[in-house]
Amino acid sequence: MNNVPETHRRLFSITILTMIFAFFFGPASTATIPKNAAAKPFGSGWECNSGFTEVNKVCEVIKVPKKRLRDEGAVWT
């Protein structure tokens, strides 16, 4: 490896370290994500998509009362 420039050695080392880090600290959850949900962008677990709420580890649609509006405080008026 004496003929390889120092920058190439450093790039190779950084690449290997990045791969090791991703292997050990990458997405580790094998939990099933329910329908109408997505994996959390940070941390572990999942969260329901917009318009759905978690009930007993599944995402159920939020039912909006007819002819009702939602105000800023998330209260139906």
Protein backbone atom coordinates (compact mmCIF):
# COMPACT_ATOMS: atom_id res chain seq x y z
CA MET A 1 0.00 0.00 0.00
CA ASN A 2 3.03 2.27 -0.13
CA ASN A 3 2.25 3.31 -3.70
CA VAL A 4 -1.28 4.45 -2.85
CA PRO A 5 -1.64 8.19 -2.20
CA GLU A 6 -2.53 9.23 1.36
CA THR A 7 -5.88 10.70 0.28
CA HIS A 8 -6.94 7.35 -1.20
CA ARG A 9 -6.01 5.53 2.00
CA ARG A 10 -8.04 7.98 4.04
CA LEU A 11 -11.02 7.71 1.71
CA PHE A 12 -10.84 3.91 1.91
CA SER A 13 -10.67 4.05 5.72
CA ILE A 14 -13.62 6.44 5.94
CA THR A 15 -15.65 4.21 3.61
CA ILE A 16 -14.96 1.10 5.70
CA LEU A 17 -15.77 2.91 8.96
CA THR A 18 -19.02 4.25 7.47
CA MET A 19 -20.06 0.77 6.38
CA ILE A 20 -19.30 -0.65 9.84
CA PHE A 21 -21.26 2.16 11.51
CA ALA A 22 -24.25 1.64 9.18
CA PHE A 23 -24.22 -2.10 9.84
CA PHE A 24 -24.30 -1.74 13.63
CA PHE A 25 -26.33 1.45 14.01
CA GLY A 26 -28.53 1.42 10.92
CA PRO A 27 -32.20 0.45 10.84
CA ALA A 28 -32.38 -2.44 13.28
CA SER A 29 -36.10 -2.73 13.75
CA THR A 30 -37.68 -5.82 12.29
CA ALA A 31 -41.05 -4.92 13.77
CA THR A 32 -43.99 -5.00 11.41
CA ILE A 33 -45.26 -1.59 10.42
CA PRO A 34 -49.05 -1.58 10.24
CA LYS A 35 -51.06 -0.41 7.25
CA ASN A 36 -51.36 3.42 7.02
CA ALA A 37 -48.15 3.93 9.03
CA ALA A 38 -44.51 4.70 8.34
CA ALA A 39 -41.23 4.21 10.15
CA LYS A 40 -40.25 7.17 12.32
CA PRO A 41 -37.58 9.29 10.65
CA PHE A 42 -35.51 9.32 13.86
CA GLY A 43 -35.25 6.72 16.57
CA SER A 44 -37.15 3.50 16.36
CA GLY A 45 -40.74 2.47 15.88
CA TRP A 46 -43.45 3.80 13.63
CA GLU A 47 -46.16 6.45 13.53
CA CYS A 48 -49.52 6.64 11.84
CA ASN A 49 -49.89 8.62 8.63
CA SER A 50 -51.81 11.88 8.58
CA GLY A 51 -55.52 11.28 9.04
CA PHE A 52 -54.98 8.15 11.13
CA THR A 53 -54.51 7.52 14.84
CA GLU A 54 -52.97 4.60 16.72
CA VAL A 55 -55.42 2.23 18.39
CA ASN A 56 -54.11 -1.07 19.80
CA LYS A 57 -50.96 -0.99 17.64
CA VAL A 58 -52.85 -0.39 14.39
CA CYS A 59 -53.69 2.85 12.58
CA GLU A 60 -57.38 3.63 12.30
CA VAL A 61 -58.88 6.43 10.27
CA ILE A 62 -59.87 9.55 12.20
CA LYS A 63 -63.59 10.01 11.70
CA VAL A 64 -64.61 13.62 11.14
CA PRO A 65 -68.15 14.52 12.21
CA LYS A 66 -70.35 15.67 9.33
CA LYS A 67 -70.50 19.43 8.79
CA ARG A 68 -67.82 20.09 11.40
CA LEU A 69 -64.60 22.06 11.18
CA ARG A 70 -61.44 21.58 13.12
CA ASP A 71 -60.09 24.70 14.82
CA GLU A 72 -56.47 25.50 15.67
CA GLY A 73 -56.67 23.71 19.04
CA ALA A 74 -57.59 20.39 17.42
CA VAL A 75 -61.10 20.56 18.84
CA TRP A 76 -64.14 19.83 16.70
CA THR A 77 -66.53 22.80 16.57
